[in-house]
N, C-alpha and C. Protein backbone atom coordinates (compact mmCIF):
# COMPACT_ATOMS: atom_id res chain seq x y z
N MET A 1 -10.95 -27.10 7.47
CA MET A 1 -11.36 -27.87 6.15
C MET A 1 -10.89 -29.08 6.34
N ALA A 2 -11.32 -30.22 5.46
CA ALA A 2 -11.14 -31.93 5.72
C ALA A 2 -9.87 -31.73 4.87
N LYS A 3 -9.35 -33.29 5.84
CA LYS A 3 -7.92 -33.26 4.68
C LYS A 3 -7.90 -33.78 3.54
N LYS A 4 -7.00 -33.23 2.98
CA LYS A 4 -6.95 -32.87 1.28
C LYS A 4 -6.22 -34.69 1.12
N LYS A 5 -7.38 -34.58 0.11
CA LYS A 5 -6.57 -36.10 -0.76
C LYS A 5 -5.43 -35.33 -1.80
N LYS A 6 -4.66 -36.87 -2.28
CA LYS A 6 -3.56 -36.61 -2.61
C LYS A 6 -3.51 -36.20 -4.37
N SER A 7 -4.94 -36.26 -4.61
CA SER A 7 -5.35 -35.78 -5.90
C SER A 7 -5.66 -34.43 -5.82
N GLU A 8 -5.95 -33.57 -4.91
CA GLU A 8 -6.58 -32.37 -4.55
C GLU A 8 -4.84 -31.44 -4.30
N LYS A 9 -3.77 -32.20 -4.35
CA LYS A 9 -2.54 -31.30 -4.57
C LYS A 9 -2.01 -30.81 -5.92
N VAL A 10 -2.48 -31.17 -6.90
CA VAL A 10 -2.16 -31.08 -7.90
C VAL A 10 -3.07 -29.97 -8.42
N THR A 11 -3.83 -29.81 -7.73
CA THR A 11 -4.76 -28.69 -8.37
C THR A 11 -4.75 -27.45 -7.34
N GLU A 12 -3.55 -27.15 -6.48
CA GLU A 12 -3.41 -25.79 -5.79
C GLU A 12 -1.79 -25.70 -5.92
N ARG A 13 -1.20 -24.64 -5.70
CA ARG A 13 -0.10 -24.20 -5.72
C ARG A 13 0.22 -23.29 -4.55
N GLN A 14 1.57 -23.04 -3.99
CA GLN A 14 1.89 -22.26 -3.24
C GLN A 14 3.11 -21.24 -3.64
N ALA A 15 2.85 -20.12 -3.17
CA ALA A 15 3.20 -19.06 -3.55
C ALA A 15 3.44 -18.03 -2.69
N TYR A 16 4.53 -17.65 -2.22
CA TYR A 16 4.72 -15.81 -1.41
C TYR A 16 3.66 -16.19 -0.13
N GLY A 17 3.48 -17.72 0.13
CA GLY A 17 3.45 -18.45 1.57
C GLY A 17 1.87 -18.47 1.42
N ILE A 18 1.36 -17.90 0.36
CA ILE A 18 -0.12 -18.61 0.15
C ILE A 18 -0.48 -19.71 -0.48
N THR A 19 -1.78 -19.90 -0.41
CA THR A 19 -2.24 -21.07 -0.87
C THR A 19 -3.12 -20.94 -2.06
N VAL A 20 -3.20 -21.48 -3.60
CA VAL A 20 -3.81 -20.82 -4.58
C VAL A 20 -4.49 -22.25 -4.81
N LEU A 21 -5.69 -21.89 -4.98
CA LEU A 21 -6.66 -23.12 -5.76
C LEU A 21 -6.86 -23.21 -7.05
N LYS A 22 -6.58 -24.12 -7.85
CA LYS A 22 -6.44 -23.89 -9.32
C LYS A 22 -8.13 -23.86 -9.86
N ALA A 23 -8.16 -23.88 -11.37
CA ALA A 23 -9.67 -23.42 -11.71
C ALA A 23 -10.14 -24.95 -11.41
N ALA A 24 -9.59 -26.32 -12.26
CA ALA A 24 -9.46 -27.35 -11.63
C ALA A 24 -9.75 -28.21 -10.08
N HIS A 25 -9.81 -27.52 -9.11
CA HIS A 25 -9.72 -27.96 -7.99
C HIS A 25 -11.40 -27.88 -7.95
N SER A 26 -11.72 -29.08 -6.40
CA SER A 26 -12.55 -29.66 -6.63
C SER A 26 -13.69 -28.44 -5.66
N GLU A 27 -13.28 -27.49 -5.02
CA GLU A 27 -14.13 -26.61 -4.30
C GLU A 27 -14.46 -25.75 -5.26
N ILE A 28 -13.33 -25.12 -6.46
CA ILE A 28 -13.69 -24.44 -7.23
C ILE A 28 -14.68 -24.54 -8.04
N ARG A 29 -14.64 -25.75 -8.53
CA ARG A 29 -15.34 -26.44 -9.44
C ARG A 29 -17.18 -26.27 -8.81
N LYS A 30 -17.27 -26.50 -8.16
CA LYS A 30 -18.44 -26.92 -6.84
C LYS A 30 -19.03 -25.11 -6.98
N ILE A 31 -17.76 -24.46 -6.62
CA ILE A 31 -18.76 -22.77 -6.58
C ILE A 31 -18.87 -22.35 -7.55
N ARG A 32 -18.33 -22.79 -8.84
CA ARG A 32 -18.70 -22.74 -10.10
C ARG A 32 -20.05 -22.73 -10.64
N LYS A 33 -20.77 -23.77 -10.07
CA LYS A 33 -22.10 -24.59 -10.47
C LYS A 33 -23.13 -23.31 -10.44
N ASP A 34 -22.71 -22.61 -9.11
CA ASP A 34 -23.59 -21.59 -8.78
C ASP A 34 -23.34 -20.36 -9.19
N HIS A 35 -22.12 -19.84 -9.31
CA HIS A 35 -21.51 -18.84 -9.18
C HIS A 35 -20.81 -18.46 -10.14
N GLU A 36 -20.88 -18.10 -11.53
CA GLU A 36 -20.12 -18.05 -12.53
C GLU A 36 -19.85 -16.18 -12.79
N PRO A 37 -19.16 -15.66 -12.38
CA PRO A 37 -18.62 -14.36 -12.66
C PRO A 37 -18.99 -13.33 -13.75
N ASP A 38 -19.33 -12.51 -13.79
CA ASP A 38 -19.73 -12.13 -14.88
C ASP A 38 -18.84 -11.12 -15.52
N ILE A 39 -17.71 -10.05 -14.62
CA ILE A 39 -16.66 -9.55 -14.83
C ILE A 39 -15.43 -9.88 -14.86
N HIS A 40 -15.26 -10.93 -15.89
CA HIS A 40 -13.76 -11.22 -15.89
C HIS A 40 -13.24 -11.73 -14.10
N GLY A 41 -14.00 -11.96 -13.31
CA GLY A 41 -13.77 -12.84 -12.18
C GLY A 41 -13.53 -14.19 -12.06
N ASN A 42 -13.32 -14.85 -13.15
CA ASN A 42 -13.47 -16.68 -13.37
C ASN A 42 -12.53 -16.96 -12.57
N LYS A 43 -11.01 -16.02 -12.57
CA LYS A 43 -9.47 -16.89 -12.15
C LYS A 43 -8.74 -16.14 -11.87
N LEU A 44 -7.60 -16.13 -11.21
CA LEU A 44 -6.77 -15.22 -10.50
C LEU A 44 -6.18 -15.12 -11.78
N TRP A 45 -6.07 -13.50 -11.41
CA TRP A 45 -4.91 -12.67 -12.90
C TRP A 45 -3.78 -12.48 -12.58
N ASN A 46 -2.72 -13.00 -13.39
CA ASN A 46 -1.01 -12.88 -12.52
C ASN A 46 -0.74 -11.39 -12.50
N SER A 47 -1.08 -10.36 -12.63
CA SER A 47 -0.69 -9.17 -11.63
C SER A 47 -0.79 -9.01 -10.27
N SER A 48 -1.46 -9.80 -9.64
CA SER A 48 -1.65 -10.07 -8.29
C SER A 48 -0.29 -10.24 -7.73
N TRP A 49 0.41 -11.52 -8.42
CA TRP A 49 1.83 -11.66 -8.28
C TRP A 49 2.95 -10.98 -8.07
N LEU A 50 2.66 -9.80 -9.00
CA LEU A 50 3.42 -8.80 -9.35
C LEU A 50 3.57 -7.73 -7.75
N ILE A 51 1.96 -7.48 -7.65
CA ILE A 51 1.93 -6.53 -6.19
C ILE A 51 2.71 -7.55 -4.90
N MET A 52 2.26 -8.85 -4.78
CA MET A 52 2.83 -9.48 -4.11
C MET A 52 4.42 -9.26 -3.60
N ASP A 53 4.93 -9.48 -5.00
CA ASP A 53 6.41 -9.25 -4.90
C ASP A 53 6.71 -8.00 -4.59
N TYR A 54 6.25 -6.92 -5.22
CA TYR A 54 6.47 -5.99 -4.79
C TYR A 54 6.51 -5.56 -3.17
N LEU A 55 5.47 -5.95 -2.56
CA LEU A 55 5.06 -5.59 -1.25
C LEU A 55 6.06 -6.73 -0.25
N GLU A 56 6.69 -7.66 -1.19
CA GLU A 56 8.00 -8.50 -0.45
C GLU A 56 9.24 -7.45 -0.19
N GLN A 57 9.25 -7.14 -1.01
CA GLN A 57 10.58 -5.88 -1.01
C GLN A 57 10.13 -4.55 -0.08
N GLN A 58 8.83 -4.21 -0.40
CA GLN A 58 8.55 -2.87 0.33
C GLN A 58 8.48 -2.78 1.56
N GLY A 59 7.27 -3.72 2.07
CA GLY A 59 6.81 -4.35 3.46
C GLY A 59 5.61 -3.64 3.65
N VAL A 60 5.05 -3.74 4.50
CA VAL A 60 3.73 -3.40 5.12
C VAL A 60 3.49 -3.07 6.38
N PRO A 61 3.36 -1.76 7.04
CA PRO A 61 3.35 -1.79 8.30
C PRO A 61 2.35 -3.07 9.03
N LYS A 62 2.73 -3.29 9.87
CA LYS A 62 2.00 -4.82 11.01
C LYS A 62 0.44 -4.05 10.91
N LYS A 63 -0.76 -4.52 11.10
CA LYS A 63 -1.89 -4.22 11.04
C LYS A 63 -2.63 -3.00 10.57
N SER A 64 -1.93 -2.86 8.94
CA SER A 64 -2.60 -1.58 8.07
C SER A 64 -3.78 -2.05 7.63
N ARG A 65 -4.15 -0.72 7.34
CA ARG A 65 -5.63 -0.76 6.84
C ARG A 65 -5.44 -1.35 5.35
N ILE A 66 -6.10 -2.19 5.02
CA ILE A 66 -5.94 -2.49 3.40
C ILE A 66 -7.42 -2.41 3.05
N MET A 67 -7.48 -1.98 1.21
CA MET A 67 -8.83 -2.24 0.56
C MET A 67 -8.31 -2.71 -0.71
N GLU A 68 -8.73 -3.82 -1.47
CA GLU A 68 -8.23 -4.63 -2.45
C GLU A 68 -9.56 -4.11 -3.37
N VAL A 69 -9.39 -2.91 -4.39
CA VAL A 69 -10.02 -3.32 -5.36
C VAL A 69 -10.17 -3.58 -6.38
N GLY A 70 -11.93 -4.07 -7.07
CA GLY A 70 -11.76 -4.99 -7.97
C GLY A 70 -10.83 -6.28 -7.73
N CYS A 71 -11.46 -6.51 -6.74
CA CYS A 71 -10.50 -7.67 -6.20
C CYS A 71 -10.71 -9.31 -6.37
N GLY A 72 -11.81 -9.45 -6.96
CA GLY A 72 -11.52 -10.87 -7.39
C GLY A 72 -11.61 -11.90 -6.87
N TRP A 73 -10.47 -12.87 -6.91
CA TRP A 73 -10.36 -14.24 -5.80
C TRP A 73 -9.89 -13.37 -4.57
N GLY A 74 -9.28 -12.27 -4.61
CA GLY A 74 -8.76 -11.71 -3.54
C GLY A 74 -7.32 -11.73 -2.97
N LEU A 75 -6.53 -12.17 -3.67
CA LEU A 75 -5.20 -12.99 -3.64
C LEU A 75 -4.42 -11.75 -2.68
N ALA A 76 -4.24 -10.90 -3.42
CA ALA A 76 -3.36 -9.81 -2.99
C ALA A 76 -3.56 -9.32 -1.25
N GLY A 77 -4.60 -9.68 -1.39
CA GLY A 77 -5.35 -8.58 0.42
C GLY A 77 -5.31 -10.01 0.98
N ILE A 78 -5.49 -10.99 0.40
CA ILE A 78 -5.05 -12.53 1.40
C ILE A 78 -3.89 -12.38 1.67
N TYR A 79 -3.28 -12.08 1.18
CA TYR A 79 -1.90 -12.40 1.37
C TYR A 79 -1.10 -11.09 2.13
N CYS A 80 -1.70 -9.91 2.07
CA CYS A 80 -1.34 -8.73 3.01
C CYS A 80 -2.07 -9.69 4.86
N ALA A 81 -2.91 -9.81 4.44
CA ALA A 81 -3.67 -10.80 6.11
C ALA A 81 -2.56 -11.49 6.11
N LYS A 82 -2.28 -12.74 5.69
CA LYS A 82 -1.51 -13.49 6.03
C LYS A 82 0.05 -13.03 6.52
N HIS A 83 0.57 -12.23 5.71
CA HIS A 83 1.60 -12.01 6.18
C HIS A 83 1.81 -10.79 7.19
N PHE A 84 1.30 -9.78 7.32
CA PHE A 84 1.41 -8.41 7.97
C PHE A 84 0.66 -8.21 8.59
N GLY A 85 -0.47 -9.37 9.00
CA GLY A 85 -1.78 -9.42 9.78
C GLY A 85 -2.85 -8.26 9.66
N ALA A 86 -2.86 -7.75 7.90
CA ALA A 86 -3.78 -6.34 7.79
C ALA A 86 -5.07 -6.63 7.88
N LYS A 87 -5.60 -5.68 7.94
CA LYS A 87 -7.16 -5.70 8.20
C LYS A 87 -7.78 -5.35 6.83
N VAL A 88 -8.31 -6.11 5.77
CA VAL A 88 -8.54 -6.28 4.71
C VAL A 88 -9.73 -6.36 4.32
N THR A 89 -10.36 -5.18 3.74
CA THR A 89 -11.35 -5.16 2.90
C THR A 89 -11.55 -5.56 1.49
N GLY A 90 -12.10 -6.33 0.61
CA GLY A 90 -11.74 -6.88 -0.77
C GLY A 90 -13.38 -5.99 -1.46
N VAL A 91 -12.92 -5.18 -2.31
CA VAL A 91 -14.21 -4.37 -2.57
C VAL A 91 -14.42 -5.12 -4.48
N ASP A 92 -15.44 -5.49 -4.77
CA ASP A 92 -15.45 -5.86 -6.20
C ASP A 92 -17.15 -5.53 -6.69
N ALA A 93 -17.02 -5.30 -8.00
CA ALA A 93 -18.34 -4.81 -8.70
C ALA A 93 -19.15 -6.11 -8.86
N ASP A 94 -18.88 -7.30 -8.93
CA ASP A 94 -19.47 -8.39 -9.04
C ASP A 94 -19.19 -9.04 -7.93
N ALA A 95 -20.83 -9.45 -7.11
CA ALA A 95 -20.64 -10.46 -5.71
C ALA A 95 -20.24 -11.86 -6.39
N LYS A 96 -20.29 -11.93 -7.25
CA LYS A 96 -20.45 -13.75 -7.78
C LYS A 96 -18.94 -14.11 -7.60
N VAL A 97 -17.75 -12.95 -7.19
CA VAL A 97 -16.47 -13.46 -6.69
C VAL A 97 -16.60 -13.91 -5.52
N PHE A 98 -17.37 -13.36 -4.96
CA PHE A 98 -16.84 -13.09 -3.03
C PHE A 98 -16.60 -14.92 -2.68
N PRO A 99 -17.68 -15.80 -3.34
CA PRO A 99 -17.65 -17.14 -2.89
C PRO A 99 -16.25 -17.76 -3.16
N TYR A 100 -15.26 -17.34 -4.22
CA TYR A 100 -14.20 -17.70 -4.31
C TYR A 100 -13.25 -17.16 -3.32
N LEU A 101 -13.40 -15.78 -2.82
CA LEU A 101 -12.30 -14.91 -2.11
C LEU A 101 -12.90 -15.30 -0.91
N ASP A 102 -13.81 -16.10 -0.03
CA ASP A 102 -14.05 -16.45 1.16
C ASP A 102 -13.53 -18.20 1.34
N LEU A 103 -13.38 -18.53 -0.01
CA LEU A 103 -12.65 -20.34 0.22
C LEU A 103 -10.95 -20.17 -0.02
N HIS A 104 -10.69 -19.04 -0.69
CA HIS A 104 -9.23 -18.75 -0.26
C HIS A 104 -8.81 -18.29 1.26
N ALA A 105 -9.95 -17.52 1.83
CA ALA A 105 -9.74 -16.89 3.37
C ALA A 105 -9.56 -17.92 4.41
N ARG A 106 -10.25 -18.98 3.99
CA ARG A 106 -10.73 -20.39 4.75
C ARG A 106 -9.63 -20.78 4.60
N VAL A 107 -9.05 -20.97 2.98
CA VAL A 107 -7.73 -21.93 2.80
C VAL A 107 -6.39 -21.44 3.27
N ASN A 108 -6.61 -20.14 3.64
CA ASN A 108 -5.16 -19.63 4.32
C ASN A 108 -5.44 -18.74 6.16
N ASP A 109 -6.51 -19.28 6.09
CA ASP A 109 -6.50 -19.17 7.84
C ASP A 109 -6.61 -17.58 7.89
N VAL A 110 -7.70 -16.80 7.15
CA VAL A 110 -7.43 -15.21 7.39
C VAL A 110 -9.10 -15.13 7.31
N LYS A 111 -9.16 -13.75 7.84
CA LYS A 111 -10.55 -13.10 7.29
C LYS A 111 -10.67 -11.70 6.85
N ILE A 112 -11.79 -12.11 5.39
CA ILE A 112 -11.63 -10.56 4.93
C ILE A 112 -13.12 -10.12 4.42
N LYS A 113 -12.84 -8.44 4.96
CA LYS A 113 -14.43 -8.29 4.80
C LYS A 113 -14.72 -8.22 3.37
N THR A 114 -16.03 -8.39 2.50
CA THR A 114 -16.18 -7.95 1.39
C THR A 114 -17.12 -6.95 1.57
N VAL A 115 -17.22 -6.12 0.01
CA VAL A 115 -18.30 -5.25 0.14
C VAL A 115 -18.46 -5.60 -1.85
N GLU A 116 -19.83 -4.80 -1.97
CA GLU A 116 -20.12 -5.06 -3.39
C GLU A 116 -20.25 -3.42 -4.14
N SER A 117 -19.22 -3.32 -4.51
CA SER A 117 -19.38 -1.59 -4.97
C SER A 117 -18.68 -1.71 -6.55
N ARG A 118 -18.79 -0.36 -6.97
CA ARG A 118 -18.13 0.09 -8.41
C ARG A 118 -17.02 1.25 -7.89
N PHE A 119 -16.21 1.24 -8.49
CA PHE A 119 -15.27 2.35 -8.44
C PHE A 119 -15.87 3.68 -7.66
N GLU A 120 -16.41 4.20 -8.47
CA GLU A 120 -17.04 5.29 -8.44
C GLU A 120 -18.26 5.47 -6.88
N GLU A 121 -18.53 4.24 -6.75
CA GLU A 121 -19.58 4.17 -5.72
C GLU A 121 -19.07 3.96 -4.11
N ILE A 122 -17.43 3.99 -4.36
CA ILE A 122 -16.89 4.04 -2.75
C ILE A 122 -16.68 5.17 -2.59
N LYS A 123 -17.53 5.33 -0.88
CA LYS A 123 -17.69 6.66 -0.37
C LYS A 123 -16.21 7.10 0.21
N LYS A 124 -15.74 8.06 0.00
CA LYS A 124 -14.79 9.18 0.98
C LYS A 124 -14.42 8.25 2.29
N LYS A 125 -15.80 8.83 2.98
CA LYS A 125 -15.57 8.14 4.54
C LYS A 125 -14.96 6.55 4.83
N LYS A 126 -15.36 5.44 3.57
CA LYS A 126 -14.64 4.23 3.38
C LYS A 126 -13.17 4.68 2.88
N LEU A 127 -12.89 5.16 2.53
CA LEU A 127 -11.53 5.07 1.82
C LEU A 127 -10.49 6.09 3.47
N ALA A 128 -11.12 6.78 3.73
CA ALA A 128 -10.63 7.52 5.33
C ALA A 128 -10.16 6.38 6.20
N LYS A 129 -10.43 5.11 6.13
CA LYS A 129 -9.97 4.10 7.00
C LYS A 129 -9.17 2.98 6.58
N GLN A 130 -8.91 3.64 5.47
CA GLN A 130 -7.44 2.49 4.74
C GLN A 130 -6.38 3.42 4.84
N ASP A 131 -5.48 2.47 5.16
CA ASP A 131 -3.59 3.00 4.54
C ASP A 131 -3.32 3.11 3.37
N LEU A 132 -4.02 1.70 2.67
CA LEU A 132 -3.14 1.27 1.20
C LEU A 132 -4.58 0.83 0.65
N ILE A 133 -4.34 1.08 -0.96
CA ILE A 133 -5.48 0.46 -1.95
C ILE A 133 -4.76 0.11 -2.77
N LEU A 134 -4.87 -1.31 -2.83
CA LEU A 134 -4.66 -2.46 -4.18
C LEU A 134 -5.06 -2.56 -5.12
N GLY A 135 -5.08 -2.78 -5.89
CA GLY A 135 -5.61 -3.35 -7.34
C GLY A 135 -4.78 -3.91 -8.46
N ALA A 136 -5.12 -5.19 -9.25
CA ALA A 136 -4.66 -5.75 -9.75
C ALA A 136 -5.23 -6.24 -11.35
N ASP A 137 -4.73 -5.89 -12.16
CA ASP A 137 -5.55 -6.16 -13.43
C ASP A 137 -7.03 -5.57 -13.30
N ILE A 138 -7.51 -4.00 -13.25
CA ILE A 138 -8.58 -3.22 -12.44
C ILE A 138 -9.00 -2.43 -13.96
N CYS A 139 -8.29 -2.29 -14.86
CA CYS A 139 -8.17 -1.24 -15.68
C CYS A 139 -8.15 -1.84 -17.18
N PHE A 140 -9.17 -2.81 -17.72
CA PHE A 140 -8.92 -3.17 -19.07
C PHE A 140 -10.15 -2.63 -19.70
N TRP A 141 -10.69 -2.00 -19.77
CA TRP A 141 -11.95 -1.00 -20.37
C TRP A 141 -11.77 0.60 -20.01
N ASP A 142 -11.88 1.26 -21.60
CA ASP A 142 -11.56 2.55 -21.43
C ASP A 142 -12.42 3.14 -20.93
N SER A 143 -13.77 2.49 -20.34
CA SER A 143 -14.79 3.40 -19.48
C SER A 143 -14.52 3.28 -17.93
N LEU A 144 -13.24 2.33 -17.43
CA LEU A 144 -12.74 2.54 -15.93
C LEU A 144 -11.78 3.56 -15.83
N ILE A 145 -11.27 4.03 -17.15
CA ILE A 145 -10.22 4.98 -16.90
C ILE A 145 -10.57 6.12 -16.10
N ASP A 146 -11.34 6.77 -15.94
CA ASP A 146 -11.76 7.90 -15.29
C ASP A 146 -12.52 7.77 -14.26
N PRO A 147 -13.28 6.59 -13.84
CA PRO A 147 -13.63 5.82 -11.98
C PRO A 147 -12.42 5.78 -11.65
N LEU A 148 -11.49 4.83 -12.15
CA LEU A 148 -10.24 4.68 -11.25
C LEU A 148 -9.39 5.93 -10.97
N TYR A 149 -9.19 6.82 -11.72
CA TYR A 149 -8.49 7.81 -11.78
C TYR A 149 -9.02 9.04 -11.08
N LYS A 150 -10.30 8.76 -10.72
CA LYS A 150 -11.18 9.58 -9.51
C LYS A 150 -11.49 9.13 -8.15
N LEU A 151 -11.24 7.36 -8.54
CA LEU A 151 -10.93 6.97 -7.10
C LEU A 151 -9.51 7.19 -6.46
N ILE A 152 -8.81 7.43 -7.35
CA ILE A 152 -7.19 7.14 -6.60
C ILE A 152 -7.11 9.13 -6.12
N GLY A 153 -7.82 9.99 -6.95
CA GLY A 153 -7.88 11.30 -6.30
C GLY A 153 -8.46 10.93 -4.97
N LYS A 154 -9.48 10.31 -4.74
CA LYS A 154 -10.56 10.64 -3.51
C LYS A 154 -9.58 10.11 -2.67
N ALA A 155 -9.26 9.08 -2.86
CA ALA A 155 -8.24 8.31 -2.08
C ALA A 155 -7.49 8.79 -1.26
N PHE A 156 -6.38 9.93 -1.69
CA PHE A 156 -5.49 10.58 -1.23
C PHE A 156 -5.98 11.93 -0.65
N LYS A 157 -6.92 12.40 -1.08
CA LYS A 157 -8.15 13.55 0.10
C LYS A 157 -8.58 12.98 1.53
N ALA A 158 -8.53 11.77 1.04
CA ALA A 158 -9.38 10.87 1.97
C ALA A 158 -8.42 10.34 2.99
N GLY A 159 -7.40 10.61 2.85
CA GLY A 159 -5.74 10.94 3.44
C GLY A 159 -5.16 9.29 3.83
N VAL A 160 -5.42 8.07 2.47
CA VAL A 160 -4.77 7.24 2.39
C VAL A 160 -3.31 7.16 1.85
N GLN A 161 -2.70 6.47 2.53
CA GLN A 161 -1.14 6.75 2.21
C GLN A 161 -0.56 6.43 0.86
N GLN A 162 -1.01 5.17 0.77
CA GLN A 162 -0.20 4.76 -0.89
C GLN A 162 -1.26 3.92 -1.68
N VAL A 163 -1.05 3.82 -2.80
CA VAL A 163 -2.02 3.29 -3.90
C VAL A 163 -1.16 2.33 -4.82
N ILE A 164 -1.28 1.08 -4.99
CA ILE A 164 -0.80 0.18 -6.02
C ILE A 164 -1.46 -0.56 -6.68
N ILE A 165 -1.22 -0.14 -8.11
CA ILE A 165 -2.25 -0.52 -9.41
C ILE A 165 -1.24 -1.23 -10.35
N ALA A 166 -1.48 -2.81 -10.35
CA ALA A 166 -0.79 -3.58 -11.11
C ALA A 166 -1.36 -3.66 -12.37
N ASP A 167 -0.88 -3.77 -13.52
CA ASP A 167 -1.53 -4.30 -14.64
C ASP A 167 -0.61 -4.79 -16.25
N PRO A 168 -0.48 -5.58 -16.99
CA PRO A 168 0.29 -5.99 -17.82
C PRO A 168 0.21 -4.73 -18.69
N GLY A 169 -0.25 -3.67 -19.01
CA GLY A 169 -0.21 -2.83 -19.52
C GLY A 169 -0.67 -2.13 -20.84
N ARG A 170 -1.94 -2.68 -20.25
CA ARG A 170 -2.65 -1.95 -21.65
C ARG A 170 -3.38 -0.89 -21.31
N PRO A 171 -3.87 -0.13 -23.08
CA PRO A 171 -3.62 1.45 -23.09
C PRO A 171 -4.40 1.77 -21.85
N PRO A 172 -5.71 1.58 -21.39
CA PRO A 172 -6.39 2.14 -20.33
C PRO A 172 -5.58 2.11 -19.00
N PHE A 173 -4.67 1.46 -18.62
CA PHE A 173 -3.89 1.68 -17.58
C PHE A 173 -2.94 2.66 -17.72
N ASP A 174 -2.39 2.64 -18.97
CA ASP A 174 -1.16 3.69 -19.07
C ASP A 174 -2.23 5.03 -19.48
N GLU A 175 -3.33 4.93 -19.66
CA GLU A 175 -3.91 6.48 -19.49
C GLU A 175 -3.85 6.74 -18.23
N VAL A 176 -4.29 5.98 -17.33
CA VAL A 176 -4.30 6.46 -15.66
C VAL A 176 -2.89 6.40 -15.29
N CYS A 177 -1.87 5.98 -15.65
CA CYS A 177 -0.48 6.15 -14.86
C CYS A 177 -0.29 7.62 -15.75
N ASN A 178 -0.73 8.09 -17.11
CA ASN A 178 -0.10 9.49 -17.53
C ASN A 178 -1.09 10.35 -16.60
N ARG A 179 -2.04 10.27 -16.03
CA ARG A 179 -2.69 11.23 -15.25
C ARG A 179 -2.06 11.15 -14.08
N CYS A 180 -2.12 9.96 -13.05
CA CYS A 180 -1.46 9.84 -11.89
C CYS A 180 -0.31 10.10 -11.87
N THR A 181 0.78 10.09 -12.87
CA THR A 181 2.07 10.65 -12.74
C THR A 181 1.86 12.19 -12.68
N THR A 182 1.32 12.67 -13.98
CA THR A 182 1.25 14.40 -13.92
C THR A 182 0.42 15.00 -12.24
N GLU A 183 -0.37 14.58 -11.88
CA GLU A 183 -1.55 15.04 -10.79
C GLU A 183 -0.70 15.02 -9.49
N PHE A 184 -0.69 13.20 -9.61
CA PHE A 184 -0.48 12.94 -7.83
C PHE A 184 1.06 12.44 -7.75
N GLY A 185 1.75 12.83 -8.90
CA GLY A 185 3.49 12.49 -8.34
C GLY A 185 3.88 10.61 -8.58
N GLY A 186 2.93 10.49 -8.93
CA GLY A 186 2.68 8.72 -8.70
C GLY A 186 3.98 8.43 -9.84
N VAL A 187 4.53 7.19 -9.46
CA VAL A 187 5.66 6.91 -9.99
C VAL A 187 5.14 5.20 -11.07
N VAL A 188 5.90 5.17 -12.11
CA VAL A 188 5.16 3.51 -12.76
C VAL A 188 6.73 2.76 -13.07
N LYS A 189 6.61 1.63 -12.41
CA LYS A 189 8.04 0.86 -12.26
C LYS A 189 7.80 -0.34 -13.19
N GLU A 190 8.62 -0.92 -13.75
CA GLU A 190 8.18 -2.03 -14.56
C GLU A 190 8.72 -3.19 -13.83
N TRP A 191 8.02 -4.55 -13.65
CA TRP A 191 8.11 -5.37 -12.36
C TRP A 191 7.95 -6.60 -13.39
N SER A 192 8.58 -8.15 -13.21
CA SER A 192 8.28 -9.30 -13.73
C SER A 192 8.36 -10.11 -12.30
N VAL A 193 8.17 -11.32 -12.51
CA VAL A 193 8.05 -12.51 -11.52
C VAL A 193 8.47 -13.53 -12.69
N LYS A 194 9.01 -14.75 -11.96
CA LYS A 194 9.26 -15.87 -12.79
C LYS A 194 8.38 -17.22 -11.78
N GLU A 195 8.05 -16.93 -10.86
CA GLU A 195 7.05 -17.94 -10.35
C GLU A 195 6.29 -17.21 -9.30
N PRO A 196 4.82 -17.71 -9.44
CA PRO A 196 4.35 -19.10 -9.56
C PRO A 196 4.11 -19.29 -11.02
N ALA A 197 3.98 -18.39 -11.77
CA ALA A 197 3.81 -18.38 -13.39
C ALA A 197 4.46 -17.13 -13.97
N ALA A 198 5.21 -17.29 -14.87
CA ALA A 198 6.06 -16.23 -15.20
C ALA A 198 5.00 -14.97 -15.43
N SER A 199 5.12 -13.68 -15.22
CA SER A 199 4.54 -12.51 -15.36
C SER A 199 4.97 -11.21 -15.36
N ASN A 200 4.87 -10.34 -16.23
CA ASN A 200 5.91 -8.90 -16.68
C ASN A 200 4.33 -8.20 -16.60
N GLY A 201 4.93 -6.82 -16.30
CA GLY A 201 3.88 -5.62 -16.22
C GLY A 201 4.33 -4.68 -15.41
N TYR A 202 3.70 -3.74 -15.45
CA TYR A 202 3.87 -2.47 -14.49
C TYR A 202 3.03 -2.29 -13.31
N LEU A 203 3.68 -1.66 -12.18
CA LEU A 203 3.05 -1.21 -11.27
C LEU A 203 2.89 0.46 -11.24
N LEU A 204 1.59 0.85 -10.95
CA LEU A 204 1.67 2.28 -11.06
C LEU A 204 1.91 2.31 -9.33
N ILE A 205 2.16 3.08 -8.45
CA ILE A 205 2.51 3.56 -7.56
C ILE A 205 2.38 4.75 -6.98
N VAL A 206 1.64 5.13 -6.12
CA VAL A 206 1.44 6.38 -5.44
C VAL A 206 1.59 6.64 -4.14
N GLY A 207 2.38 7.34 -3.64
CA GLY A 207 2.22 7.81 -2.26
C GLY A 207 3.68 6.58 -1.54
N SER A 208 3.77 6.34 -0.60
CA SER A 208 4.46 6.08 0.24
C SER A 208 3.81 5.07 1.69
N LEU A 209 4.09 4.07 2.07
CA LEU A 209 3.58 3.69 3.24
C LEU A 209 4.89 4.35 4.54
N PRO A 210 4.39 4.15 6.03
CA PRO A 210 5.67 4.61 6.85
C PRO A 210 6.47 3.14 6.68
N GLN A 211 7.91 3.39 7.11
CA GLN A 211 8.55 2.45 7.16
C GLN A 211 8.92 1.87 8.92
């Protein structure tokens, strides 16, 4: 990209080794003129920081295959590509988020594959190619409970090793947690970070990655 102006530096932040552009950044404003997301993909949601912070501690094997579902701007996946050399696919029901993801991938010098799909449309053969499934702030409606729960079950039948879903603690997410802890042996961890934005929430973790 072209050399940044000093004024642009105040509209971006550095966190977990990646660059995140704020809504006021000129490139974001330029995209927004033609690509205003329809399903809450208008910004980075703070649960992404919870996932990054957890993965800082857990680690991810090099060159893992990762799918970020409900990816929005795709920052959790970009973090994994940047730090672990992961092969990442970003999946979202709203294709209008992909220009924001593509911009952040370029800024962070990584490549992310994108796929437009709802949870229930993700095929088992696609899941079979993944080691880890991530999702941040993706269970905000009651109508998403069954599709997300079934996606997690389908993922493990396909051979996915771990699923990590982060959320501030909405009732639909709580219901998915209740089902997954009972059916799949998942665990729920309370998690918080202070930087780059104070964020509190929960991580649903099902399965584990090899160390």
